[in-house]
Amino acid sequence: MCVFIYIAKAEFGQWCVVDSQIPDYVIQAALDWACRQGGVDCTQIQPNQPCFEPNTLKDHASFVFNSYYQIYKHRGAECYFNSAGILTQNDPNPFVNSSLISLINQDLEPSASDYLMV
């Protein structure tokens, strides 16, 4: 998952991610729709952009599906994507979120403990 989008926790603890049981062609069609007609800025998942890695269809689609869902859920949008999306209460990237929140809450000046001693 892309670190960039997950800096802020999803409202009400819900994330829209790819249903791993769905065939790739359905996921690809849903991803294409979200990027073209769905109004999601998909430049973040292009090569040399912050959310390109990991470079898998499911990771890219989960990033886009969740972006769409977080932006439009207040207008009645759902996490469906022709059955390719599924809502989860589990943070898809809890380690990154807790690390980022910890860093955000710290002073910006590094301490001696921030460096690896060899």
PDB file of N, CA and C in Angstrom:
ATOM      1  N   MET A   1       0.829  -1.191   0.000  1.00  0.00           N
ATOM      2  CA  MET A   1       0.000   0.000   0.000  1.00  0.00           C
ATOM      3  C   MET A   1       0.866   1.245   0.000  1.00  0.00           C
ATOM      4  N   CYS A   2       0.308   2.249  -0.552  1.00  0.00           N
ATOM      5  CA  CYS A   2       1.036   3.508  -0.631  1.00  0.00           C
ATOM      6  C   CYS A   2       1.005   4.239   0.701  1.00  0.00           C
ATOM      7  N   VAL A   3       2.157   4.634   1.167  1.00  0.00           N
ATOM      8  CA  VAL A   3       2.276   5.370   2.422  1.00  0.00           C
ATOM      9  C   VAL A   3       1.595   6.720   2.316  1.00  0.00           C
ATOM     10  N   PHE A   4       1.696   7.361   1.167  1.00  0.00           N
ATOM     11  CA  PHE A   4       1.203   8.721   0.965  1.00  0.00           C
ATOM     12  C   PHE A   4      -0.269   8.878   1.322  1.00  0.00           C
ATOM     13  N   ILE A   5      -1.109   7.959   0.888  1.00  0.00           N
ATOM     14  CA  ILE A   5      -2.549   8.088   1.126  1.00  0.00           C
ATOM     15  C   ILE A   5      -2.935   7.727   2.547  1.00  0.00           C
ATOM     16  N   TYR A   6      -2.139   6.918   3.218  1.00  0.00           N
ATOM     17  CA  TYR A   6      -2.526   6.426   4.524  1.00  0.00           C
ATOM     18  C   TYR A   6      -1.963   7.216   5.687  1.00  0.00           C
ATOM     19  N   ILE A   7      -1.453   8.419   5.443  1.00  0.00           N
ATOM     20  CA  ILE A   7      -0.962   9.237   6.545  1.00  0.00           C
ATOM     21  C   ILE A   7      -2.098   9.538   7.510  1.00  0.00           C
ATOM     22  N   ALA A   8      -3.258   9.830   6.987  1.00  0.00           N
ATOM     23  CA  ALA A   8      -4.428  10.070   7.829  1.00  0.00           C
ATOM     24  C   ALA A   8      -5.256   8.796   7.892  1.00  0.00           C
ATOM     25  N   LYS A   9      -5.746   8.468   9.045  1.00  0.00           N
ATOM     26  CA  LYS A   9      -6.605   7.304   9.187  1.00  0.00           C
ATOM     27  C   LYS A   9      -7.899   7.516   8.419  1.00  0.00           C
ATOM     28  N   ALA A  10      -8.442   6.461   7.894  1.00  0.00           N
ATOM     29  CA  ALA A  10      -9.726   6.543   7.204  1.00  0.00           C
ATOM     30  C   ALA A  10     -10.803   6.886   8.228  1.00  0.00           C
ATOM     31  N   GLU A  11     -11.724   7.720   7.819  1.00  0.00           N
ATOM     32  CA  GLU A  11     -12.804   8.114   8.714  1.00  0.00           C
ATOM     33  C   GLU A  11     -13.633   6.897   9.086  1.00  0.00           C
ATOM     34  N   PHE A  12     -13.967   6.765  10.352  1.00  0.00           N
ATOM     35  CA  PHE A  12     -14.748   5.672  10.903  1.00  0.00           C
ATOM     36  C   PHE A  12     -14.049   4.323  10.761  1.00  0.00           C
ATOM     37  N   GLY A  13     -12.735   4.314  10.466  1.00  0.00           N
ATOM     38  CA  GLY A  13     -11.989   3.072  10.418  1.00  0.00           C
ATOM     39  C   GLY A  13     -12.415   2.129   9.324  1.00  0.00           C
ATOM     40  N   GLN A  14     -12.800   2.635   8.169  1.00  0.00           N
ATOM     41  CA  GLN A  14     -13.157   1.779   7.052  1.00  0.00           C
ATOM     42  C   GLN A  14     -12.282   2.113   5.853  1.00  0.00           C
ATOM     43  N   TRP A  15     -11.778   1.056   5.224  1.00  0.00           N
ATOM     44  CA  TRP A  15     -10.976   1.209   4.026  1.00  0.00           C
ATOM     45  C   TRP A  15     -11.582   0.354   2.932  1.00  0.00           C
ATOM     46  N   CYS A  16     -11.475   0.817   1.721  1.00  0.00           N
ATOM     47  CA  CYS A  16     -11.956   0.075   0.559  1.00  0.00           C
ATOM     48  C   CYS A  16     -10.735  -0.511  -0.136  1.00  0.00           C
ATOM     49  N   VAL A  17     -10.696  -1.815  -0.221  1.00  0.00           N
ATOM     50  CA  VAL A  17      -9.555  -2.506  -0.828  1.00  0.00           C
ATOM     51  C   VAL A  17     -10.064  -3.534  -1.838  1.00  0.00           C
ATOM     52  N   VAL A  18      -9.144  -4.113  -2.577  1.00  0.00           N
ATOM     53  CA  VAL A  18      -9.480  -5.132  -3.563  1.00  0.00           C
ATOM     54  C   VAL A  18      -9.869  -6.422  -2.854  1.00  0.00           C
ATOM     55  N   ASP A  19     -10.927  -7.049  -3.348  1.00  0.00           N
ATOM     56  CA  ASP A  19     -11.298  -8.391  -2.900  1.00  0.00           C
ATOM     57  C   ASP A  19     -10.371  -9.359  -3.627  1.00  0.00           C
ATOM     58  N   SER A  20      -9.507 -10.012  -2.908  1.00  0.00           N
ATOM     59  CA  SER A  20      -8.470 -10.854  -3.513  1.00  0.00           C
ATOM     60  C   SER A  20      -9.021 -12.063  -4.260  1.00  0.00           C
ATOM     61  N   GLN A  21     -10.300 -12.359  -4.115  1.00  0.00           N
ATOM     62  CA  GLN A  21     -10.899 -13.496  -4.801  1.00  0.00           C
ATOM     63  C   GLN A  21     -11.393 -13.150  -6.208  1.00  0.00           C
ATOM     64  N   ILE A  22     -11.328 -11.874  -6.557  1.00  0.00           N
ATOM     65  CA  ILE A  22     -11.864 -11.413  -7.836  1.00  0.00           C
ATOM     66  C   ILE A  22     -10.784 -11.537  -8.916  1.00  0.00           C
ATOM     67  N   PRO A  23     -11.168 -11.981 -10.122  1.00  0.00           N
ATOM     68  CA  PRO A  23     -10.186 -12.110 -11.206  1.00  0.00           C
ATOM     69  C   PRO A  23      -9.568 -10.769 -11.598  1.00  0.00           C
ATOM     70  N   ASP A  24      -8.331 -10.840 -12.054  1.00  0.00           N
ATOM     71  CA  ASP A  24      -7.595  -9.626 -12.422  1.00  0.00           C
ATOM     72  C   ASP A  24      -8.299  -8.793 -13.480  1.00  0.00           C
ATOM     73  N   TYR A  25      -8.961  -9.414 -14.453  1.00  0.00           N
ATOM     74  CA  TYR A  25      -9.611  -8.632 -15.506  1.00  0.00           C
ATOM     75  C   TYR A  25     -10.751  -7.773 -14.956  1.00  0.00           C
ATOM     76  N   VAL A  26     -11.429  -8.242 -13.913  1.00  0.00           N
ATOM     77  CA  VAL A  26     -12.494  -7.446 -13.284  1.00  0.00           C
ATOM     78  C   VAL A  26     -11.869  -6.290 -12.505  1.00  0.00           C
ATOM     79  N   ILE A  27     -10.783  -6.573 -11.804  1.00  0.00           N
ATOM     80  CA  ILE A  27     -10.077  -5.535 -11.044  1.00  0.00           C
ATOM     81  C   ILE A  27      -9.545  -4.467 -11.995  1.00  0.00           C
ATOM     82  N   GLN A  28      -8.945  -4.891 -13.104  1.00  0.00           N
ATOM     83  CA  GLN A  28      -8.396  -3.938 -14.073  1.00  0.00           C
ATOM     84  C   GLN A  28      -9.486  -3.047 -14.654  1.00  0.00           C
ATOM     85  N   ALA A  29     -10.630  -3.617 -14.988  1.00  0.00           N
ATOM     86  CA  ALA A  29     -11.738  -2.823 -15.533  1.00  0.00           C
ATOM     87  C   ALA A  29     -12.228  -1.804 -14.501  1.00  0.00           C
ATOM     88  N   ALA A  30     -12.314  -2.206 -13.241  1.00  0.00           N
ATOM     89  CA  ALA A  30     -12.755  -1.289 -12.180  1.00  0.00           C
ATOM     90  C   ALA A  30     -11.719  -0.195 -11.948  1.00  0.00           C
ATOM     91  N   LEU A  31     -10.458  -0.553 -11.988  1.00  0.00           N
ATOM     92  CA  LEU A  31      -9.377   0.430 -11.843  1.00  0.00           C
ATOM     93  C   LEU A  31      -9.430   1.441 -12.987  1.00  0.00           C
ATOM     94  N   ASP A  32      -9.592   0.955 -14.208  1.00  0.00           N
ATOM     95  CA  ASP A  32      -9.687   1.847 -15.365  1.00  0.00           C
ATOM     96  C   ASP A  32     -10.862   2.812 -15.219  1.00  0.00           C
ATOM     97  N   TRP A  33     -12.009   2.299 -14.771  1.00  0.00           N
ATOM     98  CA  TRP A  33     -13.178   3.170 -14.588  1.00  0.00           C
ATOM     99  C   TRP A  33     -12.893   4.247 -13.548  1.00  0.00           C
ATOM    100  N   ALA A  34     -12.349   3.846 -12.413  1.00  0.00           N
ATOM    101  CA  ALA A  34     -12.096   4.803 -11.324  1.00  0.00           C
ATOM    102  C   ALA A  34     -11.129   5.893 -11.762  1.00  0.00           C
ATOM    103  N   CYS A  35     -10.148   5.520 -12.581  1.00  0.00           N
ATOM    104  CA  CYS A  35      -9.159   6.498 -13.038  1.00  0.00           C
ATOM    105  C   CYS A  35      -9.699   7.393 -14.151  1.00  0.00           C
ATOM    106  N   ARG A  36     -10.606   6.893 -14.957  1.00  0.00           N
ATOM    107  CA  ARG A  36     -11.128   7.677 -16.092  1.00  0.00           C
ATOM    108  C   ARG A  36     -12.399   8.438 -15.732  1.00  0.00           C
ATOM    109  N   GLN A  37     -13.447   7.716 -15.377  1.00  0.00           N
ATOM    110  CA  GLN A  37     -14.731   8.366 -15.092  1.00  0.00           C
ATOM    111  C   GLN A  37     -14.972   8.612 -13.609  1.00  0.00           C
ATOM    112  N   GLY A  38     -14.265   7.908 -12.749  1.00  0.00           N
ATOM    113  CA  GLY A  38     -14.520   7.978 -11.315  1.00  0.00           C
ATOM    114  C   GLY A  38     -13.995   9.212 -10.612  1.00  0.00           C
ATOM    115  N   GLY A  39     -13.126   9.955 -11.274  1.00  0.00           N
ATOM    116  CA  GLY A  39     -12.640  11.193 -10.684  1.00  0.00           C
ATOM    117  C   GLY A  39     -11.461  11.049  -9.743  1.00  0.00           C
ATOM    118  N   VAL A  40     -10.806   9.899  -9.727  1.00  0.00           N
ATOM    119  CA  VAL A  40      -9.644   9.700  -8.856  1.00  0.00           C
ATOM    120  C   VAL A  40      -8.379  10.123  -9.602  1.00  0.00           C
ATOM    121  N   ASP A  41      -7.505  10.822  -8.895  1.00  0.00           N
ATOM    122  CA  ASP A  41      -6.210  11.206  -9.460  1.00  0.00           C
ATOM    123  C   ASP A  41      -5.294   9.988  -9.382  1.00  0.00           C
ATOM    124  N   CYS A  42      -5.095   9.342 -10.503  1.00  0.00           N
ATOM    125  CA  CYS A  42      -4.311   8.109 -10.544  1.00  0.00           C
ATOM    126  C   CYS A  42      -2.853   8.343 -10.911  1.00  0.00           C
ATOM    127  N   THR A  43      -2.437   9.581 -10.955  1.00  0.00           N
ATOM    128  CA  THR A  43      -1.034   9.846 -11.259  1.00  0.00           C
ATOM    129  C   THR A  43      -0.114   9.308 -10.167  1.00  0.00           C
ATOM    130  N   GLN A  44      -0.621   9.153  -8.947  1.00  0.00           N
ATOM    131  CA  GLN A  44       0.193   8.668  -7.826  1.00  0.00           C
ATOM    132  C   GLN A  44       0.685   7.240  -8.021  1.00  0.00           C
ATOM    133  N   ILE A  45      -0.007   6.448  -8.867  1.00  0.00           N
ATOM    134  CA  ILE A  45       0.381   5.051  -9.058  1.00  0.00           C
ATOM    135  C   ILE A  45       1.191   4.846 -10.345  1.00  0.00           C
ATOM    136  N   GLN A  46       1.588   5.928 -10.980  1.00  0.00           N
ATOM    137  CA  GLN A  46       2.406   5.843 -12.189  1.00  0.00           C
ATOM    138  C   GLN A  46       3.881   5.662 -11.813  1.00  0.00           C
ATOM    139  N   PRO A  47       4.697   5.131 -12.753  1.00  0.00           N
ATOM    140  CA  PRO A  47       6.128   4.959 -12.453  1.00  0.00           C
ATOM    141  C   PRO A  47       6.776   6.250 -11.956  1.00  0.00           C
ATOM    142  N   ASN A  48       7.680   6.106 -11.022  1.00  0.00           N
ATOM    143  CA  ASN A  48       8.427   7.217 -10.413  1.00  0.00           C
ATOM    144  C   ASN A  48       7.553   8.144  -9.564  1.00  0.00           C
ATOM    145  N   GLN A  49       6.376   7.689  -9.179  1.00  0.00           N
ATOM    146  CA  GLN A  49       5.497   8.459  -8.310  1.00  0.00           C
ATOM    147  C   GLN A  49       5.411   7.768  -6.951  1.00  0.00           C
ATOM    148  N   PRO A  50       4.947   8.479  -5.930  1.00  0.00           N
ATOM    149  CA  PRO A  50       5.011   7.957  -4.553  1.00  0.00           C
ATOM    150  C   PRO A  50       4.276   6.645  -4.302  1.00  0.00           C
ATOM    151  N   CYS A  51       3.258   6.333  -5.079  1.00  0.00           N
ATOM    152  CA  CYS A  51       2.453   5.139  -4.798  1.00  0.00           C
ATOM    153  C   CYS A  51       2.608   4.049  -5.849  1.00  0.00           C
ATOM    154  N   PHE A  52       3.663   4.125  -6.635  1.00  0.00           N
ATOM    155  CA  PHE A  52       3.896   3.114  -7.666  1.00  0.00           C
ATOM    156  C   PHE A  52       4.291   1.768  -7.059  1.00  0.00           C
ATOM    157  N   GLU A  53       5.083   1.786  -6.017  1.00  0.00           N
ATOM    158  CA  GLU A  53       5.515   0.548  -5.361  1.00  0.00           C
ATOM    159  C   GLU A  53       4.592   0.235  -4.191  1.00  0.00           C
ATOM    160  N   PRO A  54       4.232  -0.980  -3.959  1.00  0.00           N
ATOM    161  CA  PRO A  54       4.560  -2.138  -4.770  1.00  0.00           C
ATOM    162  C   PRO A  54       3.777  -2.109  -6.086  1.00  0.00           C
ATOM    163  N   ASN A  55       4.437  -2.502  -7.136  1.00  0.00           N
ATOM    164  CA  ASN A  55       3.891  -2.428  -8.477  1.00  0.00           C
ATOM    165  C   ASN A  55       3.081  -3.680  -8.805  1.00  0.00           C
ATOM    166  N   THR A  56       1.906  -3.784  -8.192  1.00  0.00           N
ATOM    167  CA  THR A  56       0.999  -4.892  -8.490  1.00  0.00           C
ATOM    168  C   THR A  56      -0.373  -4.317  -8.798  1.00  0.00           C
ATOM    169  N   LEU A  57      -1.126  -5.040  -9.583  1.00  0.00           N
ATOM    170  CA  LEU A  57      -2.486  -4.611  -9.923  1.00  0.00           C
ATOM    171  C   LEU A  57      -3.321  -4.441  -8.653  1.00  0.00           C
ATOM    172  N   LYS A  58      -3.237  -5.388  -7.744  1.00  0.00           N
ATOM    173  CA  LYS A  58      -4.062  -5.330  -6.535  1.00  0.00           C
ATOM    174  C   LYS A  58      -3.687  -4.166  -5.622  1.00  0.00           C
ATOM    175  N   ASP A  59      -2.396  -3.871  -5.500  1.00  0.00           N
ATOM    176  CA  ASP A  59      -1.982  -2.733  -4.671  1.00  0.00           C
ATOM    177  C   ASP A  59      -2.408  -1.413  -5.310  1.00  0.00           C
ATOM    178  N   HIS A  60      -2.215  -1.289  -6.604  1.00  0.00           N
ATOM    179  CA  HIS A  60      -2.631  -0.059  -7.291  1.00  0.00           C
ATOM    180  C   HIS A  60      -4.146   0.121  -7.197  1.00  0.00           C
ATOM    181  N   ALA A  61      -4.878  -0.959  -7.445  1.00  0.00           N
ATOM    182  CA  ALA A  61      -6.335  -0.878  -7.392  1.00  0.00           C
ATOM    183  C   ALA A  61      -6.824  -0.562  -5.979  1.00  0.00           C
ATOM    184  N   SER A  62      -6.222  -1.156  -4.978  1.00  0.00           N
ATOM    185  CA  SER A  62      -6.630  -0.854  -3.597  1.00  0.00           C
ATOM    186  C   SER A  62      -6.403   0.621  -3.270  1.00  0.00           C
ATOM    187  N   PHE A  63      -5.280   1.167  -3.717  1.00  0.00           N
ATOM    188  CA  PHE A  63      -5.012   2.589  -3.507  1.00  0.00           C
ATOM    189  C   PHE A  63      -6.093   3.436  -4.166  1.00  0.00           C
ATOM    190  N   VAL A  64      -6.422   3.122  -5.412  1.00  0.00           N
ATOM    191  CA  VAL A  64      -7.415   3.899  -6.160  1.00  0.00           C
ATOM    192  C   VAL A  64      -8.807   3.698  -5.585  1.00  0.00           C
ATOM    193  N   PHE A  65      -9.183   2.469  -5.290  1.00  0.00           N
ATOM    194  CA  PHE A  65     -10.509   2.205  -4.726  1.00  0.00           C
ATOM    195  C   PHE A  65     -10.692   2.960  -3.410  1.00  0.00           C
ATOM    196  N   ASN A  66      -9.685   2.900  -2.549  1.00  0.00           N
ATOM    197  CA  ASN A  66      -9.804   3.588  -1.271  1.00  0.00           C
ATOM    198  C   ASN A  66      -9.834   5.103  -1.453  1.00  0.00           C
ATOM    199  N   SER A  67      -9.057   5.612  -2.385  1.00  0.00           N
ATOM    200  CA  SER A  67      -9.100   7.054  -2.662  1.00  0.00           C
ATOM    201  C   SER A  67     -10.500   7.470  -3.086  1.00  0.00           C
ATOM    202  N   TYR A  68     -11.072   6.736  -4.021  1.00  0.00           N
ATOM    203  CA  TYR A  68     -12.434   7.016  -4.492  1.00  0.00           C
ATOM    204  C   TYR A  68     -13.422   6.960  -3.326  1.00  0.00           C
ATOM    205  N   TYR A  69     -13.355   5.895  -2.560  1.00  0.00           N
ATOM    206  CA  TYR A  69     -14.289   5.704  -1.455  1.00  0.00           C
ATOM    207  C   TYR A  69     -14.178   6.819  -0.418  1.00  0.00           C
ATOM    208  N   GLN A  70     -12.970   7.195  -0.036  1.00  0.00           N
ATOM    209  CA  GLN A  70     -12.796   8.240   0.970  1.00  0.00           C
ATOM    210  C   GLN A  70     -13.282   9.600   0.459  1.00  0.00           C
ATOM    211  N   ILE A  71     -13.122   9.855  -0.834  1.00  0.00           N
ATOM    212  CA  ILE A  71     -13.547  11.135  -1.408  1.00  0.00           C
ATOM    213  C   ILE A  71     -15.066  11.203  -1.555  1.00  0.00           C
ATOM    214  N   TYR A  72     -15.682  10.126  -2.033  1.00  0.00           N
ATOM    215  CA  TYR A  72     -17.083  10.180  -2.446  1.00  0.00           C
ATOM    216  C   TYR A  72     -18.085   9.478  -1.538  1.00  0.00           C
ATOM    217  N   LYS A  73     -17.645   8.858  -0.473  1.00  0.00           N
ATOM    218  CA  LYS A  73     -18.600   8.140   0.379  1.00  0.00           C
ATOM    219  C   LYS A  73     -19.643   9.063   0.999  1.00  0.00           C
ATOM    220  N   HIS A  74     -19.305  10.324   1.182  1.00  0.00           N
ATOM    221  CA  HIS A  74     -20.267  11.264   1.764  1.00  0.00           C
ATOM    222  C   HIS A  74     -21.347  11.655   0.768  1.00  0.00           C
ATOM    223  N   ARG A  75     -21.137  11.276  -0.488  1.00  0.00           N
ATOM    224  CA  ARG A  75     -22.142  11.513  -1.537  1.00  0.00           C
ATOM    225  C   ARG A  75     -22.884  10.225  -1.878  1.00  0.00           C
ATOM    226  N   GLY A  76     -22.682   9.202  -1.077  1.00  0.00           N
ATOM    227  CA  GLY A  76     -23.376   7.942  -1.279  1.00  0.00           C
ATOM    228  C   GLY A  76     -22.587   6.878  -2.015  1.00  0.00           C
ATOM    229  N   ALA A  77     -21.326   7.139  -2.334  1.00  0.00           N
ATOM    230  CA  ALA A  77     -20.516   6.143  -3.034  1.00  0.00           C
ATOM    231  C   ALA A  77     -20.294   4.926  -2.157  1.00  0.00           C
ATOM    232  N   GLU A  78     -20.196   3.798  -2.795  1.00  0.00           N
ATOM    233  CA  GLU A  78     -19.936   2.559  -2.094  1.00  0.00           C
ATOM    234  C   GLU A  78     -18.621   1.959  -2.571  1.00  0.00           C
ATOM    235  N   CYS A  79     -18.173   0.970  -1.861  1.00  0.00           N
ATOM    236  CA  CYS A  79     -16.954   0.242  -2.217  1.00  0.00           C
ATOM    237  C   CYS A  79     -17.375  -1.027  -2.947  1.00  0.00           C
ATOM    238  N   TYR A  80     -17.832  -0.873  -4.174  1.00  0.00           N
ATOM    239  CA  TYR A  80     -18.322  -2.035  -4.905  1.00  0.00           C
ATOM    240  C   TYR A  80     -17.426  -2.369  -6.099  1.00  0.00           C
ATOM    241  N   PHE A  81     -17.275  -1.436  -7.001  1.00  0.00           N
ATOM    242  CA  PHE A  81     -16.394  -1.594  -8.163  1.00  0.00           C
ATOM    243  C   PHE A  81     -16.652  -2.896  -8.909  1.00  0.00           C
ATOM    244  N   ASN A  82     -17.941  -3.114  -9.241  1.00  0.00           N
ATOM    245  CA  ASN A  82     -18.350  -4.305  -9.984  1.00  0.00           C
ATOM    246  C   ASN A  82     -17.884  -5.584  -9.285  1.00  0.00           C
ATOM    247  N   SER A  83     -18.024  -5.598  -7.994  1.00  0.00           N
ATOM    248  CA  SER A  83     -17.681  -6.689  -7.070  1.00  0.00           C
ATOM    249  C   SER A  83     -16.188  -6.803  -6.770  1.00  0.00           C
ATOM    250  N   ALA A  84     -15.357  -5.904  -7.298  1.00  0.00           N
ATOM    251  CA  ALA A  84     -13.910  -5.991  -7.083  1.00  0.00           C
ATOM    252  C   ALA A  84     -13.465  -5.372  -5.764  1.00  0.00           C
ATOM    253  N   GLY A  85     -14.287  -4.518  -5.162  1.00  0.00           N
ATOM    254  CA  GLY A  85     -13.914  -3.855  -3.920  1.00  0.00           C
ATOM    255  C   GLY A  85     -14.618  -4.447  -2.726  1.00  0.00           C
ATOM    256  N   ILE A  86     -13.978  -4.311  -1.590  1.00  0.00           N
ATOM    257  CA  ILE A  86     -14.558  -4.795  -0.342  1.00  0.00           C
ATOM    258  C   ILE A  86     -14.146  -3.848   0.784  1.00  0.00           C
ATOM    259  N   LEU A  87     -15.074  -3.575   1.687  1.00  0.00           N
ATOM    260  CA  LEU A  87     -14.761  -2.735   2.845  1.00  0.00           C
ATOM    261  C   LEU A  87     -14.086  -3.578   3.917  1.00  0.00           C
ATOM    262  N   THR A  88     -13.134  -2.969   4.586  1.00  0.00           N
ATOM    263  CA  THR A  88     -12.481  -3.641   5.706  1.00  0.00           C
ATOM    264  C   THR A  88     -12.375  -2.670   6.873  1.00  0.00           C
ATOM    265  N   GLN A  89     -12.458  -3.216   8.050  1.00  0.00           N
ATOM    266  CA  GLN A  89     -12.259  -2.447   9.275  1.00  0.00           C
ATOM    267  C   GLN A  89     -10.785  -2.494   9.679  1.00  0.00           C
ATOM    268  N   ASN A  90     -10.027  -3.375   9.049  1.00  0.00           N
ATOM    269  CA  ASN A  90      -8.612  -3.548   9.374  1.00  0.00           C
ATOM    270  C   ASN A  90      -7.769  -2.622   8.519  1.00  0.00           C
ATOM    271  N   ASP A  91      -6.980  -1.812   9.157  1.00  0.00           N
ATOM    272  CA  ASP A  91      -6.080  -0.903   8.468  1.00  0.00           C
ATOM    273  C   ASP A  91      -5.176  -1.722   7.554  1.00  0.00           C
ATOM    274  N   PRO A  92      -5.175  -1.458   6.247  1.00  0.00           N
ATOM    275  CA  PRO A  92      -4.361  -2.260   5.340  1.00  0.00           C
ATOM    276  C   PRO A  92      -2.862  -2.051   5.524  1.00  0.00           C
ATOM    277  N   ASN A  93      -2.473  -1.038   6.267  1.00  0.00           N
ATOM    278  CA  ASN A  93      -1.051  -0.787   6.464  1.00  0.00           C
ATOM    279  C   ASN A  93      -0.802  -0.249   7.877  1.00  0.00           C
ATOM    280  N   PRO A  94      -1.115  -1.042   8.906  1.00  0.00           N
ATOM    281  CA  PRO A  94      -1.033  -0.526  10.280  1.00  0.00           C
ATOM    282  C   PRO A  94       0.371  -0.156  10.719  1.00  0.00           C
ATOM    283  N   PHE A  95       1.393  -0.884  10.268  1.00  0.00           N
ATOM    284  CA  PHE A  95       2.760  -0.565  10.692  1.00  0.00           C
ATOM    285  C   PHE A  95       3.164   0.812  10.192  1.00  0.00           C
ATOM    286  N   VAL A  96       2.882   1.087   8.931  1.00  0.00           N
ATOM    287  CA  VAL A  96       3.247   2.387   8.366  1.00  0.00           C
ATOM    288  C   VAL A  96       2.481   3.493   9.067  1.00  0.00           C
ATOM    289  N   ASN A  97       1.190   3.304   9.293  1.00  0.00           N
ATOM    290  CA  ASN A  97       0.401   4.337   9.952  1.00  0.00           C
ATOM    291  C   ASN A  97       0.915   4.624  11.350  1.00  0.00           C
ATOM    292  N   SER A  98       1.189   3.590  12.128  1.00  0.00           N
ATOM    293  CA  SER A  98       1.651   3.837  13.495  1.00  0.00           C
ATOM    294  C   SER A  98       3.024   4.491  13.479  1.00  0.00           C
ATOM    295  N   SER A  99       3.864   4.106  12.531  1.00  0.00           N
ATOM    296  CA  SER A  99       5.186   4.727  12.430  1.00  0.00           C
ATOM    297  C   SER A  99       5.082   6.186  12.034  1.00  0.00           C
ATOM    298  N   LEU A 100       4.217   6.478  11.072  1.00  0.00           N
ATOM    299  CA  LEU A 100       4.055   7.862  10.632  1.00  0.00           C
ATOM    300  C   LEU A 100       3.446   8.729  11.721  1.00  0.00           C
ATOM    301  N   ILE A 101       2.448   8.210  12.405  1.00  0.00           N
ATOM    302  CA  ILE A 101       1.832   8.973  13.487  1.00  0.00           C
ATOM    303  C   ILE A 101       2.864   9.256  14.563  1.00  0.00           C
ATOM    304  N   SER A 102       3.691   8.269  14.864  1.00  0.00           N
ATOM    305  CA  SER A 102       4.747   8.460  15.842  1.00  0.00           C
ATOM    306  C   SER A 102       5.722   9.546  15.390  1.00  0.00           C
ATOM    307  N   LEU A 103       6.113   9.508  14.127  1.00  0.00           N
ATOM    308  CA  LEU A 103       7.029  10.521  13.607  1.00  0.00           C
ATOM    309  C   LEU A 103       6.396  11.911  13.604  1.00  0.00           C
ATOM    310  N   ILE A 104       5.137  11.980  13.237  1.00  0.00           N
ATOM    311  CA  ILE A 104       4.446  13.269  13.194  1.00  0.00           C
ATOM    312  C   ILE A 104       4.370  13.879  14.587  1.00  0.00           C
ATOM    313  N   ASN A 105       4.189  13.033  15.590  1.00  0.00           N
ATOM    314  CA  ASN A 105       4.054  13.523  16.962  1.00  0.00           C
ATOM    315  C   ASN A 105       5.385  13.845  17.629  1.00  0.00           C
ATOM    316  N   GLN A 106       6.498  13.457  17.018  1.00  0.00           N
ATOM    317  CA  GLN A 106       7.807  13.729  17.588  1.00  0.00           C
ATOM    318  C   GLN A 106       8.307  15.093  17.147  1.00  0.00           C
ATOM    319  N   ASP A 107       9.317  15.547  17.855  1.00  0.00           N
ATOM    320  CA  ASP A 107      10.017  16.744  17.411  1.00  0.00           C
ATOM    321  C   ASP A 107      10.700  16.418  16.089  1.00  0.00           C
ATOM    322  N   LEU A 108      10.919  17.419  15.277  1.00  0.00           N
ATOM    323  CA  LEU A 108      11.564  17.203  13.992  1.00  0.00           C
ATOM    324  C   LEU A 108      13.063  16.991  14.109  1.00  0.00           C
ATOM    325  N   GLU A 109      13.658  17.382  15.210  1.00  0.00           N
ATOM    326  CA  GLU A 109      15.091  17.201  15.403  1.00  0.00           C
ATOM    327  C   GLU A 109      15.364  15.751  15.800  1.00  0.00           C
ATOM    328  N   PRO A 110      16.278  15.053  15.108  1.00  0.00           N
ATOM    329  CA  PRO A 110      16.587  13.675  15.469  1.00  0.00           C
ATOM    330  C   PRO A 110      17.362  13.626  16.786  1.00  0.00           C
ATOM    331  N   SER A 111      17.171  12.577  17.506  1.00  0.00           N
ATOM    332  CA  SER A 111      17.937  12.358  18.735  1.00  0.00           C
ATOM    333  C   SER A 111      18.985  11.293  18.474  1.00  0.00           C
ATOM    334  N   ALA A 112      19.875  11.084  19.418  1.00  0.00           N
ATOM    335  CA  ALA A 112      20.926  10.093  19.257  1.00  0.00           C
ATOM    336  C   ALA A 112      20.326   8.698  19.072  1.00  0.00           C
ATOM    337  N   SER A 113      19.181   8.422  19.692  1.00  0.00           N
ATOM    338  CA  SER A 113      18.562   7.108  19.577  1.00  0.00           C
ATOM    339  C   SER A 113      17.969   6.852  18.196  1.00  0.00           C
ATOM    340  N   ASP A 114      17.849   7.899  17.358  1.00  0.00           N
ATOM    341  CA  ASP A 114      17.297   7.727  16.021  1.00  0.00           C
ATOM    342  C   ASP A 114      18.315   7.126  15.047  1.00  0.00           C
ATOM    343  N   TYR A 115      19.556   7.029  15.464  1.00  0.00           N
ATOM    344  CA  TYR A 115      20.612   6.541  14.582  1.00  0.00           C
ATOM    345  C   TYR A 115      20.998   5.118  14.970  1.00  0.00           C
ATOM    346  N   LEU A 116      21.260   4.315  13.978  1.00  0.00           N
ATOM    347  CA  LEU A 116      21.711   2.954  14.208  1.00  0.00           C
ATOM    348  C   LEU A 116      23.180   2.983  14.580  1.00  0.00           C
ATOM    349  N   MET A 117      23.483   2.379  15.685  1.00  0.00           N
ATOM    350  CA  MET A 117      24.870   2.328  16.138  1.00  0.00           C
ATOM    351  C   MET A 117      25.488   1.038  15.607  1.00  0.00           C
ATOM    352  N   VAL A 118      26.622   1.153  14.931  1.00  0.00           N
ATOM    353  CA  VAL A 118      27.288  -0.022  14.363  1.00  0.00           C
ATOM    354  C   VAL A 118      28.594  -0.267  15.079  1.00  0.00           C
TER     355      VAL A 118
END
